[in-house]
């Protein structure tokens, strides 16, 4: 089936307000399994991240509304169908979006908006990897990683810790639960 998850990283807003907007509360208990429905933690880059294991965080609600008075980056990944997307909002306005749908081709990538400078380097690296490993005939979908890689470059967070620098250790995550 493959990993399925969603996370939202918030900046310029305190943790209590993030949890209030999402109708969650922090239990204070550490996430020892990595399989809790909801967890949260602060990255070294200063972003508070809420992760929903198995995609239990419904990204259909309005990220624009959640971004009132702050910045946020929302990410959804589903390895089962090799689909990934990242959206960035600031104070209610979408700044940029990246979408990869593996069924549309291994080089499929929709990019819109004022993309961050990190994107160009990440895109080139992943496209080069895809090409070097067989292009459309490859057994691995490297372009799938671009949306999550781009979010990680900004927020310092990826659940698997992949492509994080030494200055971006994974945050200590605590278990969150619905209010």
N, C-alpha and C. Protein backbone atom coordinates (compact mmCIF):
# COMPACT_ATOMS: atom_id res chain seq x y z
N UNK A 1 0.82 -1.19 0.00
CA UNK A 1 0.00 0.00 0.00
C UNK A 1 0.86 1.26 0.00
N UNK A 2 1.96 1.30 0.73
CA UNK A 2 2.84 2.46 0.75
C UNK A 2 2.44 3.47 1.80
N UNK A 3 3.39 4.29 2.16
CA UNK A 3 3.17 5.33 3.17
C UNK A 3 2.18 6.36 2.68
N UNK A 4 1.33 6.79 3.58
CA UNK A 4 0.41 7.89 3.30
C UNK A 4 0.43 8.82 4.50
N UNK A 5 0.70 10.08 4.27
CA UNK A 5 0.74 11.03 5.37
C UNK A 5 0.50 12.44 4.89
N UNK A 6 0.16 13.28 5.85
CA UNK A 6 -0.04 14.70 5.58
C UNK A 6 0.51 15.48 6.76
N UNK A 7 1.11 16.62 6.47
CA UNK A 7 1.57 17.47 7.55
C UNK A 7 1.44 18.93 7.14
N UNK A 8 1.26 19.75 8.16
CA UNK A 8 1.20 21.19 7.97
C UNK A 8 2.23 21.80 8.90
N UNK A 9 3.06 22.67 8.35
CA UNK A 9 4.05 23.39 9.13
C UNK A 9 3.61 24.85 9.21
N UNK A 10 3.61 25.40 10.42
CA UNK A 10 3.18 26.78 10.67
C UNK A 10 4.35 27.62 11.16
N UNK A 11 4.43 28.85 10.67
CA UNK A 11 5.43 29.81 11.15
C UNK A 11 4.73 31.11 11.50
N UNK A 12 5.32 31.85 12.41
CA UNK A 12 4.80 33.17 12.83
C UNK A 12 3.48 33.06 13.57
N UNK A 13 3.29 31.97 14.29
CA UNK A 13 2.08 31.74 15.08
C UNK A 13 2.48 30.79 16.21
N UNK A 14 1.87 30.95 17.38
CA UNK A 14 2.28 30.07 18.48
C UNK A 14 1.53 28.74 18.43
N UNK A 15 2.13 27.78 19.09
CA UNK A 15 1.63 26.41 19.11
C UNK A 15 0.18 26.33 19.60
N UNK A 16 -0.15 27.07 20.64
CA UNK A 16 -1.50 27.03 21.20
C UNK A 16 -2.54 27.44 20.16
N UNK A 17 -2.22 28.46 19.37
CA UNK A 17 -3.15 28.92 18.34
C UNK A 17 -3.27 27.89 17.21
N UNK A 18 -2.15 27.26 16.83
CA UNK A 18 -2.19 26.21 15.82
C UNK A 18 -3.14 25.09 16.27
N UNK A 19 -2.93 24.61 17.49
CA UNK A 19 -3.75 23.51 17.99
C UNK A 19 -5.22 23.91 18.09
N UNK A 20 -5.49 25.14 18.49
CA UNK A 20 -6.86 25.63 18.55
C UNK A 20 -7.52 25.62 17.17
N UNK A 21 -6.80 26.10 16.17
CA UNK A 21 -7.36 26.15 14.81
C UNK A 21 -7.64 24.75 14.26
N UNK A 22 -6.85 23.77 14.69
CA UNK A 22 -7.03 22.40 14.20
C UNK A 22 -7.89 21.55 15.13
N UNK A 23 -8.37 22.14 16.22
CA UNK A 23 -9.17 21.43 17.22
C UNK A 23 -8.44 20.21 17.76
N UNK A 24 -7.17 20.44 18.10
CA UNK A 24 -6.34 19.39 18.68
C UNK A 24 -5.79 19.86 20.01
N UNK A 25 -5.35 18.92 20.83
CA UNK A 25 -4.65 19.27 22.07
C UNK A 25 -3.42 18.37 22.18
N UNK A 26 -2.39 18.90 22.85
CA UNK A 26 -1.14 18.18 23.03
C UNK A 26 -1.23 17.36 24.31
N UNK A 27 -1.05 16.05 24.21
CA UNK A 27 -1.10 15.19 25.40
C UNK A 27 0.19 15.29 26.21
N UNK A 28 1.26 15.77 25.58
CA UNK A 28 2.55 15.83 26.23
C UNK A 28 3.31 14.52 26.17
N UNK A 29 2.65 13.46 25.75
CA UNK A 29 3.29 12.14 25.66
C UNK A 29 4.14 12.07 24.40
N UNK A 30 5.37 11.58 24.52
CA UNK A 30 6.22 11.48 23.33
C UNK A 30 5.69 10.43 22.34
N UNK A 31 5.93 10.69 21.08
CA UNK A 31 5.56 9.74 20.03
C UNK A 31 6.71 8.76 19.86
N UNK A 32 6.58 7.59 20.46
CA UNK A 32 7.64 6.58 20.42
C UNK A 32 7.51 5.63 19.23
N UNK A 33 6.32 5.58 18.63
CA UNK A 33 6.08 4.59 17.58
C UNK A 33 6.15 5.15 16.18
N UNK A 34 5.89 6.44 16.02
CA UNK A 34 5.81 7.03 14.69
C UNK A 34 4.55 6.62 13.96
N UNK A 35 3.59 6.07 14.69
CA UNK A 35 2.36 5.61 14.06
C UNK A 35 1.10 6.17 14.73
N UNK A 36 1.26 7.21 15.53
CA UNK A 36 0.11 7.84 16.17
C UNK A 36 -0.68 8.61 15.12
N UNK A 37 -2.00 8.70 15.26
CA UNK A 37 -2.80 9.41 14.26
C UNK A 37 -2.37 10.87 14.07
N UNK A 38 -2.06 11.58 15.19
CA UNK A 38 -1.63 12.98 15.11
C UNK A 38 -0.47 13.21 16.06
N UNK A 39 0.55 13.89 15.56
CA UNK A 39 1.68 14.28 16.40
C UNK A 39 2.09 15.70 16.02
N UNK A 40 2.81 16.35 16.93
CA UNK A 40 3.26 17.71 16.64
C UNK A 40 4.60 17.98 17.28
N UNK A 41 5.35 18.91 16.70
CA UNK A 41 6.64 19.31 17.24
C UNK A 41 7.19 20.53 16.54
N UNK A 42 8.15 21.18 17.20
CA UNK A 42 8.79 22.39 16.68
C UNK A 42 10.10 22.04 16.00
N UNK A 43 10.27 22.51 14.77
CA UNK A 43 11.52 22.25 14.05
C UNK A 43 12.60 23.24 14.49
N UNK A 44 13.84 22.90 14.21
CA UNK A 44 14.96 23.79 14.51
C UNK A 44 14.84 25.10 13.72
N UNK A 45 14.14 25.06 12.60
CA UNK A 45 13.94 26.25 11.77
C UNK A 45 12.80 27.13 12.27
N UNK A 46 12.13 26.71 13.37
CA UNK A 46 11.09 27.52 13.97
C UNK A 46 9.68 27.32 13.45
N UNK A 47 9.43 26.20 12.80
CA UNK A 47 8.09 25.87 12.30
C UNK A 47 7.46 24.84 13.23
N UNK A 48 6.18 25.05 13.61
CA UNK A 48 5.47 24.05 14.39
C UNK A 48 4.76 23.14 13.38
N UNK A 49 5.04 21.84 13.46
CA UNK A 49 4.53 20.87 12.49
C UNK A 49 3.49 19.97 13.14
N UNK A 50 2.38 19.76 12.43
CA UNK A 50 1.37 18.78 12.82
C UNK A 50 1.35 17.73 11.72
N UNK A 51 1.61 16.48 12.11
CA UNK A 51 1.66 15.35 11.18
C UNK A 51 0.50 14.41 11.46
N UNK A 52 -0.16 13.99 10.39
CA UNK A 52 -1.21 12.98 10.49
C UNK A 52 -0.72 11.73 9.78
N UNK A 53 -0.46 10.70 10.55
CA UNK A 53 -0.04 9.42 9.98
C UNK A 53 -1.21 8.82 9.21
N UNK A 54 -0.93 8.20 8.09
CA UNK A 54 -1.94 7.59 7.22
C UNK A 54 -2.92 8.62 6.66
N UNK A 55 -2.50 9.88 6.59
CA UNK A 55 -3.30 10.89 5.91
C UNK A 55 -4.58 11.27 6.60
N UNK A 56 -4.64 11.12 7.92
CA UNK A 56 -5.86 11.43 8.66
C UNK A 56 -6.14 12.93 8.76
N UNK A 57 -5.21 13.76 8.31
CA UNK A 57 -5.39 15.20 8.32
C UNK A 57 -6.02 15.58 7.00
N UNK A 58 -7.26 16.00 7.02
CA UNK A 58 -8.01 16.29 5.80
C UNK A 58 -7.55 17.62 5.21
N UNK A 59 -6.80 17.55 4.12
CA UNK A 59 -6.28 18.75 3.49
C UNK A 59 -7.33 19.47 2.65
N UNK A 60 -8.56 18.94 2.63
CA UNK A 60 -9.61 19.61 1.87
C UNK A 60 -10.13 20.84 2.59
N UNK A 61 -9.90 20.92 3.91
CA UNK A 61 -10.31 22.14 4.59
C UNK A 61 -9.43 23.27 4.09
N UNK A 62 -9.80 24.46 4.39
CA UNK A 62 -9.14 25.60 3.79
C UNK A 62 -7.80 25.93 4.43
N UNK A 63 -6.72 25.61 3.71
CA UNK A 63 -5.40 26.01 4.17
C UNK A 63 -5.30 27.54 4.18
N UNK A 64 -6.00 28.18 3.27
CA UNK A 64 -6.00 29.64 3.25
C UNK A 64 -6.54 30.19 4.57
N UNK A 65 -7.62 29.63 5.03
CA UNK A 65 -8.22 30.08 6.29
C UNK A 65 -7.28 29.81 7.47
N UNK A 66 -6.64 28.64 7.48
CA UNK A 66 -5.71 28.30 8.56
C UNK A 66 -4.50 29.23 8.59
N UNK A 67 -4.16 29.83 7.44
CA UNK A 67 -2.96 30.67 7.36
C UNK A 67 -3.20 32.12 7.76
N UNK A 68 -4.37 32.45 8.25
CA UNK A 68 -4.66 33.83 8.67
C UNK A 68 -3.62 34.28 9.70
N UNK A 69 -2.91 35.34 9.39
CA UNK A 69 -1.94 35.90 10.31
C UNK A 69 -0.65 35.12 10.45
N UNK A 70 -0.42 34.16 9.56
CA UNK A 70 0.80 33.35 9.64
C UNK A 70 1.18 32.81 8.27
N UNK A 71 2.26 32.04 8.24
CA UNK A 71 2.67 31.31 7.05
C UNK A 71 2.46 29.83 7.33
N UNK A 72 2.10 29.08 6.30
CA UNK A 72 2.02 27.63 6.47
C UNK A 72 2.37 26.94 5.17
N UNK A 73 2.85 25.72 5.34
CA UNK A 73 3.13 24.84 4.20
C UNK A 73 2.45 23.51 4.51
N UNK A 74 1.56 23.10 3.61
CA UNK A 74 0.86 21.83 3.76
C UNK A 74 1.38 20.83 2.75
N UNK A 75 1.60 19.60 3.21
CA UNK A 75 2.16 18.55 2.37
C UNK A 75 1.32 17.29 2.50
N UNK A 76 1.04 16.65 1.37
CA UNK A 76 0.39 15.34 1.35
C UNK A 76 1.22 14.42 0.46
N UNK A 77 1.46 13.21 0.94
CA UNK A 77 2.16 12.21 0.14
C UNK A 77 1.42 10.88 0.24
N UNK A 78 1.37 10.17 -0.88
CA UNK A 78 0.74 8.86 -0.91
C UNK A 78 1.57 7.98 -1.84
N UNK A 79 2.43 7.15 -1.24
CA UNK A 79 3.31 6.29 -2.03
C UNK A 79 2.54 5.24 -2.81
N UNK A 80 1.38 4.84 -2.33
CA UNK A 80 0.60 3.80 -3.00
C UNK A 80 0.28 4.15 -4.44
N UNK A 81 0.07 5.44 -4.72
CA UNK A 81 -0.21 5.89 -6.09
C UNK A 81 0.83 6.91 -6.56
N UNK A 82 1.91 7.07 -5.79
CA UNK A 82 3.01 7.98 -6.11
C UNK A 82 2.50 9.39 -6.45
N UNK A 83 1.69 9.92 -5.55
CA UNK A 83 1.16 11.26 -5.67
C UNK A 83 1.63 12.08 -4.48
N UNK A 84 2.09 13.29 -4.76
CA UNK A 84 2.53 14.18 -3.69
C UNK A 84 2.19 15.61 -4.05
N UNK A 85 1.91 16.41 -3.01
CA UNK A 85 1.65 17.82 -3.26
C UNK A 85 2.06 18.66 -2.07
N UNK A 86 2.44 19.88 -2.35
CA UNK A 86 2.78 20.86 -1.33
C UNK A 86 2.15 22.19 -1.72
N UNK A 87 1.55 22.84 -0.73
CA UNK A 87 0.98 24.16 -0.94
C UNK A 87 1.49 25.10 0.15
N UNK A 88 1.83 26.32 -0.23
CA UNK A 88 2.29 27.32 0.72
C UNK A 88 1.32 28.49 0.72
N UNK A 89 0.96 28.93 1.92
CA UNK A 89 0.05 30.06 2.10
C UNK A 89 0.65 31.05 3.07
N UNK A 90 0.28 32.30 2.89
CA UNK A 90 0.65 33.34 3.84
C UNK A 90 -0.53 34.28 4.01
N UNK A 91 -0.97 34.41 5.25
CA UNK A 91 -2.07 35.30 5.61
C UNK A 91 -3.26 35.18 4.66
N UNK A 92 -3.66 33.95 4.40
CA UNK A 92 -4.85 33.69 3.59
C UNK A 92 -4.63 33.60 2.10
N UNK A 93 -3.42 33.83 1.63
CA UNK A 93 -3.16 33.83 0.19
C UNK A 93 -2.20 32.71 -0.20
N UNK A 94 -2.59 31.97 -1.25
CA UNK A 94 -1.70 30.92 -1.75
C UNK A 94 -0.48 31.57 -2.39
N UNK A 95 0.71 31.12 -1.97
CA UNK A 95 1.96 31.63 -2.50
C UNK A 95 2.47 30.76 -3.65
N UNK A 96 2.40 29.44 -3.45
CA UNK A 96 2.86 28.51 -4.47
C UNK A 96 2.31 27.12 -4.19
N UNK A 97 2.43 26.27 -5.23
CA UNK A 97 1.92 24.90 -5.14
C UNK A 97 2.75 24.01 -6.06
N UNK A 98 3.00 22.78 -5.59
CA UNK A 98 3.67 21.75 -6.38
C UNK A 98 2.85 20.48 -6.30
N UNK A 99 2.63 19.83 -7.44
CA UNK A 99 1.86 18.58 -7.47
C UNK A 99 2.57 17.60 -8.41
N UNK A 100 2.75 16.38 -7.93
CA UNK A 100 3.26 15.29 -8.77
C UNK A 100 2.24 14.16 -8.73
N UNK A 101 1.83 13.70 -9.92
CA UNK A 101 0.91 12.56 -10.04
C UNK A 101 1.62 11.51 -10.88
N UNK A 102 2.10 10.48 -10.22
CA UNK A 102 2.89 9.45 -10.89
C UNK A 102 2.19 8.80 -12.06
N UNK A 103 0.87 8.66 -11.99
CA UNK A 103 0.12 8.06 -13.10
C UNK A 103 0.18 8.90 -14.37
N UNK A 104 0.53 10.17 -14.23
CA UNK A 104 0.64 11.08 -15.39
C UNK A 104 2.02 11.00 -16.03
N UNK A 105 2.93 10.24 -15.42
CA UNK A 105 4.29 10.09 -15.94
C UNK A 105 5.29 10.41 -14.84
N UNK A 106 6.44 9.78 -14.91
CA UNK A 106 7.43 9.96 -13.85
C UNK A 106 8.01 11.37 -13.81
N UNK A 107 7.94 12.11 -14.90
CA UNK A 107 8.43 13.49 -14.91
C UNK A 107 7.31 14.50 -14.70
N UNK A 108 6.11 14.03 -14.38
CA UNK A 108 4.98 14.93 -14.17
C UNK A 108 5.26 15.85 -12.98
N UNK A 109 5.11 17.14 -13.17
CA UNK A 109 5.25 18.09 -12.07
C UNK A 109 4.51 19.37 -12.43
N UNK A 110 3.50 19.68 -11.66
CA UNK A 110 2.77 20.93 -11.81
C UNK A 110 3.34 21.91 -10.79
N UNK A 111 3.75 23.08 -11.22
CA UNK A 111 4.30 24.10 -10.34
C UNK A 111 3.63 25.43 -10.66
N UNK A 112 3.15 26.08 -9.60
CA UNK A 112 2.43 27.34 -9.79
C UNK A 112 2.80 28.32 -8.68
N UNK A 113 2.84 29.59 -9.02
CA UNK A 113 3.04 30.63 -8.03
C UNK A 113 4.48 31.10 -7.93
N UNK A 114 4.74 31.87 -6.89
CA UNK A 114 6.07 32.42 -6.62
C UNK A 114 6.88 31.37 -5.89
N UNK A 115 7.44 30.46 -6.67
CA UNK A 115 8.15 29.31 -6.09
C UNK A 115 9.39 29.77 -5.33
N UNK A 116 9.68 29.08 -4.21
CA UNK A 116 10.85 29.46 -3.42
C UNK A 116 12.14 29.16 -4.17
N UNK A 117 13.22 29.85 -3.85
CA UNK A 117 14.48 29.63 -4.57
C UNK A 117 15.01 28.20 -4.43
N UNK A 118 14.70 27.53 -3.34
CA UNK A 118 15.16 26.15 -3.13
C UNK A 118 14.61 25.20 -4.19
N UNK A 119 13.45 25.53 -4.74
CA UNK A 119 12.77 24.64 -5.69
C UNK A 119 13.61 24.33 -6.92
N UNK A 120 14.24 25.34 -7.52
CA UNK A 120 14.97 25.14 -8.78
C UNK A 120 16.08 24.11 -8.62
N UNK A 121 16.83 24.18 -7.54
CA UNK A 121 17.92 23.24 -7.30
C UNK A 121 17.36 21.83 -7.07
N UNK A 122 16.34 21.74 -6.24
CA UNK A 122 15.73 20.44 -5.92
C UNK A 122 15.16 19.81 -7.18
N UNK A 123 14.45 20.58 -7.98
CA UNK A 123 13.87 20.06 -9.22
C UNK A 123 14.96 19.52 -10.13
N UNK A 124 16.03 20.28 -10.32
CA UNK A 124 17.11 19.84 -11.21
C UNK A 124 17.74 18.55 -10.70
N UNK A 125 18.01 18.48 -9.40
CA UNK A 125 18.61 17.27 -8.82
C UNK A 125 17.73 16.05 -9.03
N UNK A 126 16.44 16.18 -8.74
CA UNK A 126 15.53 15.04 -8.87
C UNK A 126 15.29 14.66 -10.33
N UNK A 127 15.21 15.64 -11.24
CA UNK A 127 15.07 15.32 -12.66
C UNK A 127 16.33 14.62 -13.17
N UNK A 128 17.50 15.08 -12.72
CA UNK A 128 18.75 14.42 -13.11
C UNK A 128 18.79 12.99 -12.62
N UNK A 129 18.35 12.76 -11.37
CA UNK A 129 18.30 11.39 -10.82
C UNK A 129 17.35 10.52 -11.65
N UNK A 130 16.20 11.07 -11.99
CA UNK A 130 15.21 10.32 -12.76
C UNK A 130 15.79 9.92 -14.11
N UNK A 131 16.44 10.87 -14.76
CA UNK A 131 17.04 10.62 -16.08
C UNK A 131 18.15 9.58 -15.98
N UNK A 132 19.02 9.74 -14.98
CA UNK A 132 20.17 8.82 -14.81
C UNK A 132 19.74 7.40 -14.48
N UNK A 133 18.54 7.25 -13.94
CA UNK A 133 18.08 5.92 -13.52
C UNK A 133 17.00 5.34 -14.43
N UNK A 134 16.96 5.81 -15.67
CA UNK A 134 16.05 5.20 -16.64
C UNK A 134 14.90 6.06 -17.09
N UNK A 135 14.81 7.29 -16.61
CA UNK A 135 13.76 8.20 -17.06
C UNK A 135 12.38 7.64 -16.80
N UNK A 136 11.53 7.68 -17.81
CA UNK A 136 10.15 7.17 -17.70
C UNK A 136 10.11 5.66 -17.48
N UNK A 137 11.20 4.95 -17.81
CA UNK A 137 11.23 3.50 -17.65
C UNK A 137 11.84 3.07 -16.32
N UNK A 138 12.18 4.02 -15.47
CA UNK A 138 12.82 3.70 -14.19
C UNK A 138 11.86 2.97 -13.26
N UNK A 139 12.44 2.22 -12.34
CA UNK A 139 11.65 1.52 -11.32
C UNK A 139 11.36 2.42 -10.12
N UNK A 140 12.01 3.56 -10.06
CA UNK A 140 11.86 4.49 -8.94
C UNK A 140 11.38 5.84 -9.46
N UNK A 141 10.48 6.47 -8.71
CA UNK A 141 9.94 7.78 -9.07
C UNK A 141 10.61 8.84 -8.20
N UNK A 142 11.66 9.47 -8.72
CA UNK A 142 12.41 10.49 -7.99
C UNK A 142 11.68 11.83 -7.96
N UNK A 143 10.91 12.13 -9.00
CA UNK A 143 10.20 13.41 -9.09
C UNK A 143 9.12 13.50 -8.01
N UNK A 144 8.60 12.36 -7.59
CA UNK A 144 7.63 12.29 -6.50
C UNK A 144 8.11 13.02 -5.25
N UNK A 145 9.42 13.05 -5.04
CA UNK A 145 10.00 13.64 -3.83
C UNK A 145 10.06 15.16 -3.86
N UNK A 146 9.92 15.78 -5.02
CA UNK A 146 10.13 17.23 -5.14
C UNK A 146 9.22 18.05 -4.22
N UNK A 147 7.91 17.82 -4.18
CA UNK A 147 7.10 18.64 -3.26
C UNK A 147 7.53 18.54 -1.80
N UNK A 148 7.77 17.34 -1.30
CA UNK A 148 8.19 17.17 0.10
C UNK A 148 9.61 17.70 0.32
N UNK A 149 10.51 17.50 -0.64
CA UNK A 149 11.87 18.03 -0.53
C UNK A 149 11.85 19.56 -0.42
N UNK A 150 11.00 20.19 -1.22
CA UNK A 150 10.92 21.65 -1.20
C UNK A 150 10.40 22.15 0.14
N UNK A 151 9.35 21.51 0.65
CA UNK A 151 8.83 21.88 1.97
C UNK A 151 9.89 21.68 3.04
N UNK A 152 10.62 20.58 2.98
CA UNK A 152 11.66 20.27 3.97
C UNK A 152 12.78 21.30 3.94
N UNK A 153 13.14 21.77 2.74
CA UNK A 153 14.21 22.76 2.62
C UNK A 153 13.85 24.06 3.34
N UNK A 154 12.57 24.35 3.42
CA UNK A 154 12.11 25.59 4.06
C UNK A 154 11.83 25.39 5.55
N UNK A 155 11.13 24.32 5.87
CA UNK A 155 10.65 24.12 7.25
C UNK A 155 11.61 23.32 8.12
N UNK A 156 12.52 22.58 7.47
CA UNK A 156 13.42 21.71 8.24
C UNK A 156 12.73 20.46 8.74
N UNK A 157 11.66 20.03 8.03
CA UNK A 157 10.93 18.84 8.47
C UNK A 157 10.51 17.96 7.31
N UNK A 158 10.69 16.69 7.52
CA UNK A 158 10.16 15.59 6.69
C UNK A 158 10.02 14.43 7.64
N UNK A 159 8.91 13.73 7.66
CA UNK A 159 8.74 12.64 8.63
C UNK A 159 9.83 11.59 8.58
N UNK A 160 10.36 11.32 7.39
CA UNK A 160 11.41 10.30 7.27
C UNK A 160 12.81 10.87 7.50
N UNK A 161 12.91 12.17 7.70
CA UNK A 161 14.20 12.80 7.95
C UNK A 161 15.09 12.90 6.72
N UNK A 162 14.61 12.43 5.57
CA UNK A 162 15.42 12.43 4.35
C UNK A 162 15.72 13.86 3.89
N UNK A 163 16.94 14.07 3.46
CA UNK A 163 17.40 15.33 2.89
C UNK A 163 17.37 16.50 3.87
N UNK A 164 17.42 16.22 5.17
CA UNK A 164 17.53 17.29 6.15
C UNK A 164 19.00 17.50 6.46
N UNK A 165 19.38 18.72 6.61
CA UNK A 165 20.78 19.02 6.92
C UNK A 165 21.09 18.76 8.38
N UNK A 166 22.36 18.87 8.72
CA UNK A 166 22.80 18.68 10.10
C UNK A 166 22.15 19.67 11.04
N UNK A 167 21.80 20.84 10.52
CA UNK A 167 21.16 21.86 11.34
C UNK A 167 19.66 21.64 11.48
N UNK A 168 19.13 20.60 10.86
CA UNK A 168 17.70 20.31 10.88
C UNK A 168 17.40 18.92 11.41
N UNK A 169 17.72 18.64 12.67
CA UNK A 169 17.37 17.32 13.20
C UNK A 169 15.85 17.20 13.30
N UNK A 170 15.35 15.98 13.25
CA UNK A 170 13.92 15.79 13.42
C UNK A 170 13.50 16.29 14.80
N UNK A 171 12.37 17.01 14.87
CA UNK A 171 11.93 17.51 16.18
C UNK A 171 11.41 16.39 17.06
N UNK A 172 11.43 16.63 18.35
CA UNK A 172 10.77 15.72 19.29
C UNK A 172 9.27 15.91 19.08
N UNK A 173 8.59 14.84 18.73
CA UNK A 173 7.16 14.90 18.46
C UNK A 173 6.37 14.38 19.65
N UNK A 174 5.27 15.06 19.96
CA UNK A 174 4.38 14.60 21.02
C UNK A 174 3.03 14.26 20.41
N UNK A 175 2.32 13.39 21.09
CA UNK A 175 1.02 12.91 20.60
C UNK A 175 -0.03 13.99 20.78
N UNK A 176 -0.79 14.23 19.71
CA UNK A 176 -1.91 15.17 19.72
C UNK A 176 -3.19 14.37 19.62
N UNK A 177 -4.27 14.93 20.17
CA UNK A 177 -5.57 14.27 20.04
C UNK A 177 -6.66 15.31 19.81
N UNK A 178 -7.74 14.89 19.16
CA UNK A 178 -8.85 15.83 18.92
C UNK A 178 -9.44 16.33 20.23
N UNK A 179 -9.88 17.58 20.20
CA UNK A 179 -10.52 18.18 21.38
C UNK A 179 -11.96 17.73 21.43
